């Protein structure tokens, strides 16, 4: 454990700031159903690091350093928390949906990291998670 903390300390020092960060806007999800066909004011958040391998590698280090693997297991395959690598997202798998899940947290166990991590660090976590390849379950391939 001590080696893990020491090895990631420079990355955390670069990414974590003590200043107040701006709050992200409300997010419009394609899955939403709008009452009366009228959408409330919202934006679409786009990942500025989408597809960037270095950012995904930084996100993987943050995933470990912030003990995300404590609940979601190594490789985000699921443990006490749900799998983040199977392509199924309870709260949406779009850029903004994943960002909001990390920034604000979710009911029943997912803490909000928006007060601890700056938006760029959260986007790097999003990049890492979106780059994971869903595992193929041989039991369901035959269906």
N, C-alpha and C. Protein backbone atom coordinates (compact mmCIF):
# COMPACT_ATOMS: atom_id res chain seq x y z
N UNK A 1 0.81 -1.20 0.00
CA UNK A 1 0.00 0.00 0.00
C UNK A 1 0.86 1.27 0.00
N UNK A 2 1.94 1.29 0.77
CA UNK A 2 2.78 2.48 0.86
C UNK A 2 3.44 2.78 -0.48
N UNK A 3 3.85 1.74 -1.21
CA UNK A 3 4.47 1.94 -2.51
C UNK A 3 3.48 2.58 -3.46
N UNK A 4 2.23 2.13 -3.44
CA UNK A 4 1.20 2.68 -4.31
C UNK A 4 1.00 4.16 -4.03
N UNK A 5 0.95 4.55 -2.76
CA UNK A 5 0.74 5.95 -2.40
C UNK A 5 1.93 6.81 -2.83
N UNK A 6 3.15 6.32 -2.62
CA UNK A 6 4.34 7.08 -2.98
C UNK A 6 4.46 7.22 -4.50
N UNK A 7 4.17 6.15 -5.23
CA UNK A 7 4.30 6.17 -6.69
C UNK A 7 3.31 7.12 -7.34
N UNK A 8 2.14 7.30 -6.75
CA UNK A 8 1.12 8.16 -7.35
C UNK A 8 1.12 9.57 -6.77
N UNK A 9 1.91 9.84 -5.75
CA UNK A 9 1.92 11.15 -5.12
C UNK A 9 2.19 12.29 -6.10
N UNK A 10 3.18 12.18 -7.01
CA UNK A 10 3.40 13.28 -7.95
C UNK A 10 2.20 13.53 -8.87
N UNK A 11 1.54 12.47 -9.31
CA UNK A 11 0.37 12.63 -10.17
C UNK A 11 -0.74 13.34 -9.42
N UNK A 12 -0.98 12.92 -8.20
CA UNK A 12 -2.04 13.54 -7.40
C UNK A 12 -1.71 15.00 -7.13
N UNK A 13 -0.46 15.29 -6.82
CA UNK A 13 -0.05 16.67 -6.56
C UNK A 13 -0.29 17.56 -7.78
N UNK A 14 -0.09 17.03 -8.97
CA UNK A 14 -0.31 17.81 -10.18
C UNK A 14 -1.80 18.04 -10.46
N UNK A 15 -2.62 17.04 -10.15
CA UNK A 15 -4.02 17.10 -10.55
C UNK A 15 -4.96 17.68 -9.50
N UNK A 16 -4.62 17.54 -8.24
CA UNK A 16 -5.52 17.97 -7.18
C UNK A 16 -5.13 19.37 -6.74
N UNK A 17 -6.09 20.26 -6.77
CA UNK A 17 -5.84 21.62 -6.33
C UNK A 17 -6.75 21.92 -5.15
N UNK A 18 -6.37 22.88 -4.35
CA UNK A 18 -7.17 23.23 -3.19
C UNK A 18 -8.18 24.34 -3.48
N UNK A 19 -8.09 24.96 -4.66
CA UNK A 19 -9.00 26.06 -5.00
C UNK A 19 -10.39 25.57 -5.36
N UNK A 20 -11.35 26.48 -5.32
CA UNK A 20 -12.72 26.17 -5.70
C UNK A 20 -12.79 25.98 -7.21
N UNK A 21 -13.47 24.95 -7.64
CA UNK A 21 -13.64 24.67 -9.06
C UNK A 21 -15.05 25.08 -9.48
N UNK A 22 -15.22 25.52 -10.72
CA UNK A 22 -16.57 25.87 -11.17
C UNK A 22 -17.44 24.62 -11.24
N UNK A 23 -18.71 24.80 -10.92
CA UNK A 23 -19.67 23.69 -10.95
C UNK A 23 -20.05 23.41 -12.40
N UNK A 24 -20.03 22.13 -12.81
CA UNK A 24 -20.42 21.83 -14.19
C UNK A 24 -21.91 22.08 -14.41
N UNK A 25 -22.30 22.39 -15.63
CA UNK A 25 -23.71 22.67 -15.90
C UNK A 25 -24.55 21.39 -15.84
N UNK A 26 -25.85 21.59 -15.78
CA UNK A 26 -26.76 20.46 -15.87
C UNK A 26 -26.53 19.77 -17.21
N UNK A 27 -26.71 18.47 -17.22
CA UNK A 27 -26.40 17.69 -18.42
C UNK A 27 -27.68 17.15 -19.05
N UNK A 28 -27.74 17.26 -20.37
CA UNK A 28 -28.85 16.67 -21.12
C UNK A 28 -28.41 15.28 -21.56
N UNK A 29 -29.20 14.28 -21.21
CA UNK A 29 -28.93 12.90 -21.58
C UNK A 29 -29.92 12.49 -22.66
N UNK A 30 -29.44 11.76 -23.63
CA UNK A 30 -30.32 11.28 -24.70
C UNK A 30 -31.42 10.38 -24.14
N UNK A 31 -31.18 9.71 -23.00
CA UNK A 31 -32.14 8.78 -22.43
C UNK A 31 -33.32 9.48 -21.74
N UNK A 32 -33.21 10.79 -21.48
CA UNK A 32 -34.28 11.50 -20.78
C UNK A 32 -35.55 11.56 -21.62
N UNK A 33 -36.68 11.50 -20.95
CA UNK A 33 -37.98 11.69 -21.58
C UNK A 33 -38.49 13.03 -21.08
N UNK A 34 -38.79 13.94 -21.99
CA UNK A 34 -39.18 15.28 -21.60
C UNK A 34 -40.70 15.41 -21.55
N UNK A 35 -41.20 15.93 -20.43
CA UNK A 35 -42.64 16.13 -20.27
C UNK A 35 -43.12 17.16 -21.29
N UNK A 36 -44.12 16.80 -22.04
CA UNK A 36 -44.67 17.71 -23.04
C UNK A 36 -43.72 17.97 -24.19
N UNK A 37 -42.66 17.20 -24.30
CA UNK A 37 -41.70 17.36 -25.38
C UNK A 37 -40.77 18.53 -25.21
N UNK A 38 -40.87 19.25 -24.06
CA UNK A 38 -40.02 20.41 -23.83
C UNK A 38 -38.86 20.04 -22.92
N UNK A 39 -37.66 20.22 -23.42
CA UNK A 39 -36.47 19.90 -22.62
C UNK A 39 -36.12 21.06 -21.70
N UNK A 40 -35.74 20.77 -20.44
CA UNK A 40 -35.28 21.85 -19.55
C UNK A 40 -33.90 22.34 -20.02
N UNK A 41 -33.50 23.53 -19.57
CA UNK A 41 -32.20 24.03 -19.98
C UNK A 41 -31.08 23.10 -19.51
N UNK A 42 -30.22 22.74 -20.41
CA UNK A 42 -29.08 21.88 -20.09
C UNK A 42 -28.11 21.91 -21.26
N UNK A 43 -26.93 21.38 -21.01
CA UNK A 43 -25.89 21.30 -22.04
C UNK A 43 -25.46 19.86 -22.22
N UNK A 44 -24.63 19.63 -23.18
CA UNK A 44 -23.98 18.34 -23.36
C UNK A 44 -22.53 18.54 -23.01
N UNK A 45 -22.04 17.79 -22.04
CA UNK A 45 -20.63 17.87 -21.67
C UNK A 45 -19.85 16.92 -22.55
N UNK A 46 -18.77 17.40 -23.13
CA UNK A 46 -17.91 16.58 -23.98
C UNK A 46 -16.56 16.40 -23.29
N UNK A 47 -16.03 15.21 -23.36
CA UNK A 47 -14.75 14.89 -22.74
C UNK A 47 -13.60 15.50 -23.56
N UNK A 48 -12.85 16.44 -22.98
CA UNK A 48 -11.75 17.05 -23.73
C UNK A 48 -10.58 16.10 -23.98
N UNK A 49 -10.55 14.95 -23.28
CA UNK A 49 -9.44 14.00 -23.43
C UNK A 49 -9.87 12.71 -24.13
N UNK A 50 -11.04 12.71 -24.73
CA UNK A 50 -11.58 11.49 -25.34
C UNK A 50 -10.57 10.86 -26.30
N UNK A 51 -10.28 9.56 -26.06
CA UNK A 51 -9.38 8.81 -26.93
C UNK A 51 -7.90 9.05 -26.69
N UNK A 52 -7.54 9.94 -25.78
CA UNK A 52 -6.14 10.24 -25.51
C UNK A 52 -5.55 9.18 -24.57
N UNK A 53 -4.59 8.41 -25.07
CA UNK A 53 -4.03 7.29 -24.29
C UNK A 53 -3.30 7.73 -23.03
N UNK A 54 -2.60 8.84 -23.11
CA UNK A 54 -1.89 9.33 -21.92
C UNK A 54 -2.88 9.73 -20.83
N UNK A 55 -3.96 10.37 -21.21
CA UNK A 55 -5.00 10.75 -20.24
C UNK A 55 -5.66 9.51 -19.66
N UNK A 56 -5.88 8.49 -20.48
CA UNK A 56 -6.46 7.24 -19.99
C UNK A 56 -5.51 6.58 -18.98
N UNK A 57 -4.20 6.62 -19.25
CA UNK A 57 -3.22 6.06 -18.32
C UNK A 57 -3.22 6.84 -17.00
N UNK A 58 -3.32 8.18 -17.09
CA UNK A 58 -3.42 8.99 -15.88
C UNK A 58 -4.70 8.65 -15.13
N UNK A 59 -5.79 8.45 -15.86
CA UNK A 59 -7.06 8.08 -15.24
C UNK A 59 -6.98 6.74 -14.52
N UNK A 60 -6.25 5.81 -15.11
CA UNK A 60 -6.07 4.50 -14.47
C UNK A 60 -5.31 4.65 -13.16
N UNK A 61 -4.29 5.50 -13.14
CA UNK A 61 -3.53 5.75 -11.91
C UNK A 61 -4.41 6.41 -10.85
N UNK A 62 -5.23 7.36 -11.28
CA UNK A 62 -6.15 8.01 -10.34
C UNK A 62 -7.17 7.01 -9.80
N UNK A 63 -7.64 6.11 -10.66
CA UNK A 63 -8.61 5.08 -10.27
C UNK A 63 -8.05 4.27 -9.11
N UNK A 64 -6.78 3.96 -9.18
CA UNK A 64 -6.12 3.20 -8.12
C UNK A 64 -5.82 4.09 -6.92
N UNK A 65 -5.27 5.29 -7.16
CA UNK A 65 -4.86 6.18 -6.07
C UNK A 65 -6.04 6.62 -5.21
N UNK A 66 -7.20 6.80 -5.79
CA UNK A 66 -8.37 7.23 -5.03
C UNK A 66 -9.24 6.06 -4.58
N UNK A 67 -8.66 4.86 -4.64
CA UNK A 67 -9.29 3.64 -4.15
C UNK A 67 -10.62 3.32 -4.84
N UNK A 68 -10.78 3.73 -6.07
CA UNK A 68 -11.97 3.35 -6.83
C UNK A 68 -12.01 1.84 -6.99
N UNK A 69 -10.81 1.25 -7.10
CA UNK A 69 -10.74 -0.21 -7.24
C UNK A 69 -11.12 -0.93 -5.95
N UNK A 70 -11.22 -0.20 -4.85
CA UNK A 70 -11.69 -0.80 -3.60
C UNK A 70 -13.13 -1.27 -3.70
N UNK A 71 -13.95 -0.56 -4.45
CA UNK A 71 -15.35 -0.95 -4.66
C UNK A 71 -15.58 -1.58 -6.03
N UNK A 72 -14.95 -0.99 -7.06
CA UNK A 72 -15.21 -1.44 -8.43
C UNK A 72 -14.23 -2.51 -8.90
N UNK A 73 -13.27 -2.88 -8.06
CA UNK A 73 -12.29 -3.93 -8.32
C UNK A 73 -11.25 -3.51 -9.35
N UNK A 74 -10.19 -4.29 -9.45
CA UNK A 74 -9.14 -4.01 -10.43
C UNK A 74 -9.71 -4.09 -11.83
N UNK A 75 -9.34 -3.16 -12.67
CA UNK A 75 -9.86 -3.13 -14.03
C UNK A 75 -11.31 -2.69 -14.11
N UNK A 76 -11.87 -2.22 -12.99
CA UNK A 76 -13.25 -1.72 -12.91
C UNK A 76 -14.28 -2.79 -13.29
N UNK A 77 -13.94 -4.06 -13.02
CA UNK A 77 -14.81 -5.16 -13.42
C UNK A 77 -15.95 -5.44 -12.46
N UNK A 78 -15.98 -4.74 -11.34
CA UNK A 78 -17.08 -4.89 -10.39
C UNK A 78 -16.69 -5.69 -9.17
N UNK A 79 -17.10 -5.23 -8.05
CA UNK A 79 -16.88 -5.89 -6.77
C UNK A 79 -18.09 -5.57 -5.94
N UNK A 80 -17.87 -4.81 -4.86
CA UNK A 80 -19.02 -4.32 -4.08
C UNK A 80 -19.78 -3.28 -4.91
N UNK A 81 -19.05 -2.47 -5.65
CA UNK A 81 -19.65 -1.52 -6.58
C UNK A 81 -19.83 -2.19 -7.94
N UNK A 82 -20.65 -1.61 -8.80
CA UNK A 82 -20.91 -2.25 -10.10
C UNK A 82 -19.70 -2.22 -11.03
N UNK A 83 -19.74 -3.10 -12.01
CA UNK A 83 -18.72 -3.10 -13.05
C UNK A 83 -18.86 -1.81 -13.86
N UNK A 84 -17.73 -1.23 -14.17
CA UNK A 84 -17.70 -0.04 -15.03
C UNK A 84 -17.09 -0.40 -16.38
N UNK A 85 -16.86 -1.70 -16.58
CA UNK A 85 -16.19 -2.18 -17.79
C UNK A 85 -17.09 -3.06 -18.63
N UNK A 86 -18.35 -3.21 -18.25
CA UNK A 86 -19.21 -4.14 -18.99
C UNK A 86 -20.11 -3.45 -20.02
N UNK A 87 -19.97 -2.12 -20.14
CA UNK A 87 -20.76 -1.40 -21.14
C UNK A 87 -22.18 -1.09 -20.70
N UNK A 88 -22.56 -1.47 -19.47
CA UNK A 88 -23.90 -1.17 -18.95
C UNK A 88 -23.78 -0.08 -17.90
N UNK A 89 -24.50 1.00 -18.09
CA UNK A 89 -24.41 2.14 -17.19
C UNK A 89 -25.78 2.47 -16.61
N UNK A 90 -25.92 2.36 -15.31
CA UNK A 90 -27.20 2.67 -14.65
C UNK A 90 -27.57 4.14 -14.84
N UNK A 91 -26.60 5.02 -14.77
CA UNK A 91 -26.86 6.45 -14.86
C UNK A 91 -26.41 7.05 -16.19
N UNK A 92 -26.15 6.22 -17.18
CA UNK A 92 -25.76 6.70 -18.50
C UNK A 92 -24.26 6.62 -18.72
N UNK A 93 -23.86 6.23 -19.92
CA UNK A 93 -22.45 6.07 -20.24
C UNK A 93 -21.88 7.18 -21.10
N UNK A 94 -22.66 8.23 -21.35
CA UNK A 94 -22.16 9.37 -22.13
C UNK A 94 -21.13 10.13 -21.30
N UNK A 95 -20.31 10.92 -21.98
CA UNK A 95 -19.27 11.70 -21.30
C UNK A 95 -19.80 12.42 -20.06
N UNK A 96 -20.82 13.24 -20.25
CA UNK A 96 -21.36 14.04 -19.16
C UNK A 96 -21.98 13.22 -18.06
N UNK A 97 -22.60 12.10 -18.39
CA UNK A 97 -23.23 11.25 -17.39
C UNK A 97 -22.18 10.63 -16.47
N UNK A 98 -21.10 10.13 -17.03
CA UNK A 98 -20.03 9.55 -16.21
C UNK A 98 -19.37 10.64 -15.38
N UNK A 99 -19.12 11.79 -16.00
CA UNK A 99 -18.54 12.92 -15.27
C UNK A 99 -19.40 13.27 -14.07
N UNK A 100 -20.70 13.40 -14.26
CA UNK A 100 -21.61 13.75 -13.17
C UNK A 100 -21.62 12.69 -12.08
N UNK A 101 -21.54 11.42 -12.47
CA UNK A 101 -21.52 10.34 -11.47
C UNK A 101 -20.30 10.47 -10.56
N UNK A 102 -19.16 10.83 -11.14
CA UNK A 102 -17.94 10.98 -10.34
C UNK A 102 -17.97 12.30 -9.57
N UNK A 103 -18.39 13.36 -10.22
CA UNK A 103 -18.38 14.70 -9.61
C UNK A 103 -19.35 14.80 -8.44
N UNK A 104 -20.61 14.35 -8.64
CA UNK A 104 -21.65 14.50 -7.62
C UNK A 104 -21.90 13.23 -6.81
N UNK A 105 -21.36 12.09 -7.24
CA UNK A 105 -21.63 10.84 -6.56
C UNK A 105 -23.00 10.30 -6.95
N UNK A 106 -23.36 9.14 -6.39
CA UNK A 106 -24.65 8.51 -6.66
C UNK A 106 -25.17 7.88 -5.37
N UNK A 107 -26.48 7.69 -5.29
CA UNK A 107 -27.04 7.09 -4.08
C UNK A 107 -26.48 5.70 -3.80
N UNK A 108 -26.52 5.31 -2.58
CA UNK A 108 -26.13 3.97 -2.11
C UNK A 108 -24.64 3.66 -2.29
N UNK A 109 -23.79 4.64 -2.03
CA UNK A 109 -22.38 4.30 -1.91
C UNK A 109 -21.36 5.05 -2.74
N UNK A 110 -21.72 5.63 -3.87
CA UNK A 110 -20.73 6.33 -4.70
C UNK A 110 -20.51 7.73 -4.15
N UNK A 111 -19.30 7.98 -3.58
CA UNK A 111 -19.03 9.32 -3.03
C UNK A 111 -18.85 10.35 -4.14
N UNK A 112 -19.07 11.61 -3.79
CA UNK A 112 -18.87 12.72 -4.71
C UNK A 112 -17.42 13.18 -4.63
N UNK A 113 -16.73 13.16 -5.76
CA UNK A 113 -15.33 13.57 -5.80
C UNK A 113 -15.15 14.99 -6.34
N UNK A 114 -16.24 15.69 -6.64
CA UNK A 114 -16.14 17.04 -7.18
C UNK A 114 -15.50 18.04 -6.25
N UNK A 115 -15.54 17.79 -4.95
CA UNK A 115 -14.91 18.68 -3.99
C UNK A 115 -13.45 18.36 -3.76
N UNK A 116 -12.97 17.24 -4.33
CA UNK A 116 -11.60 16.78 -4.11
C UNK A 116 -10.77 16.83 -5.40
N UNK A 117 -11.38 16.45 -6.50
CA UNK A 117 -10.66 16.38 -7.78
C UNK A 117 -11.08 17.52 -8.70
N UNK A 118 -10.13 18.13 -9.39
CA UNK A 118 -10.50 19.14 -10.39
C UNK A 118 -11.13 18.47 -11.61
N UNK A 119 -11.89 19.23 -12.39
CA UNK A 119 -12.55 18.65 -13.57
C UNK A 119 -11.61 17.89 -14.51
N UNK A 120 -10.39 18.38 -14.74
CA UNK A 120 -9.47 17.67 -15.64
C UNK A 120 -9.16 16.27 -15.14
N UNK A 121 -9.01 16.10 -13.84
CA UNK A 121 -8.73 14.77 -13.27
C UNK A 121 -9.95 13.86 -13.46
N UNK A 122 -11.13 14.41 -13.26
CA UNK A 122 -12.35 13.61 -13.45
C UNK A 122 -12.48 13.21 -14.91
N UNK A 123 -12.17 14.12 -15.83
CA UNK A 123 -12.22 13.77 -17.26
C UNK A 123 -11.22 12.67 -17.59
N UNK A 124 -10.09 12.65 -16.93
CA UNK A 124 -9.12 11.58 -17.17
C UNK A 124 -9.65 10.24 -16.65
N UNK A 125 -10.37 10.25 -15.55
CA UNK A 125 -11.04 9.03 -15.08
C UNK A 125 -12.08 8.57 -16.10
N UNK A 126 -12.85 9.52 -16.63
CA UNK A 126 -13.85 9.20 -17.65
C UNK A 126 -13.17 8.57 -18.87
N UNK A 127 -12.05 9.14 -19.29
CA UNK A 127 -11.30 8.63 -20.44
C UNK A 127 -10.85 7.20 -20.19
N UNK A 128 -10.35 6.93 -19.00
CA UNK A 128 -9.92 5.58 -18.64
C UNK A 128 -11.11 4.62 -18.70
N UNK A 129 -12.21 4.99 -18.09
CA UNK A 129 -13.37 4.09 -18.04
C UNK A 129 -13.95 3.84 -19.43
N UNK A 130 -14.01 4.86 -20.26
CA UNK A 130 -14.57 4.68 -21.60
C UNK A 130 -13.64 3.86 -22.50
N UNK A 131 -12.38 3.77 -22.13
CA UNK A 131 -11.44 2.99 -22.92
C UNK A 131 -11.41 1.51 -22.56
N UNK A 132 -12.11 1.14 -21.50
CA UNK A 132 -12.13 -0.27 -21.10
C UNK A 132 -12.97 -1.08 -22.08
N UNK A 133 -12.49 -2.25 -22.40
CA UNK A 133 -13.20 -3.13 -23.32
C UNK A 133 -14.08 -4.07 -22.51
N UNK A 134 -15.39 -4.07 -22.78
CA UNK A 134 -16.26 -4.99 -22.04
C UNK A 134 -15.83 -6.44 -22.25
N UNK A 135 -15.79 -7.17 -21.15
CA UNK A 135 -15.42 -8.59 -21.21
C UNK A 135 -16.53 -9.37 -21.90
N UNK A 136 -16.15 -10.39 -22.64
CA UNK A 136 -17.12 -11.25 -23.30
C UNK A 136 -17.41 -12.44 -22.38
N UNK A 137 -18.68 -12.62 -22.06
CA UNK A 137 -19.09 -13.74 -21.22
C UNK A 137 -19.43 -14.90 -22.11
N UNK A 138 -18.64 -15.99 -22.07
CA UNK A 138 -18.88 -17.12 -22.98
C UNK A 138 -20.27 -17.74 -22.78
N UNK A 139 -20.86 -17.59 -21.61
CA UNK A 139 -22.17 -18.17 -21.36
C UNK A 139 -23.27 -17.46 -22.15
N UNK A 140 -23.06 -16.18 -22.45
CA UNK A 140 -24.09 -15.43 -23.16
C UNK A 140 -23.81 -15.28 -24.65
N UNK A 141 -22.61 -15.61 -25.11
CA UNK A 141 -22.28 -15.49 -26.53
C UNK A 141 -23.13 -16.41 -27.38
N UNK A 142 -23.46 -17.58 -26.85
CA UNK A 142 -24.22 -18.57 -27.60
C UNK A 142 -25.69 -18.18 -27.77
N UNK A 143 -26.17 -17.19 -27.10
CA UNK A 143 -27.58 -16.82 -27.19
C UNK A 143 -27.91 -16.38 -28.55
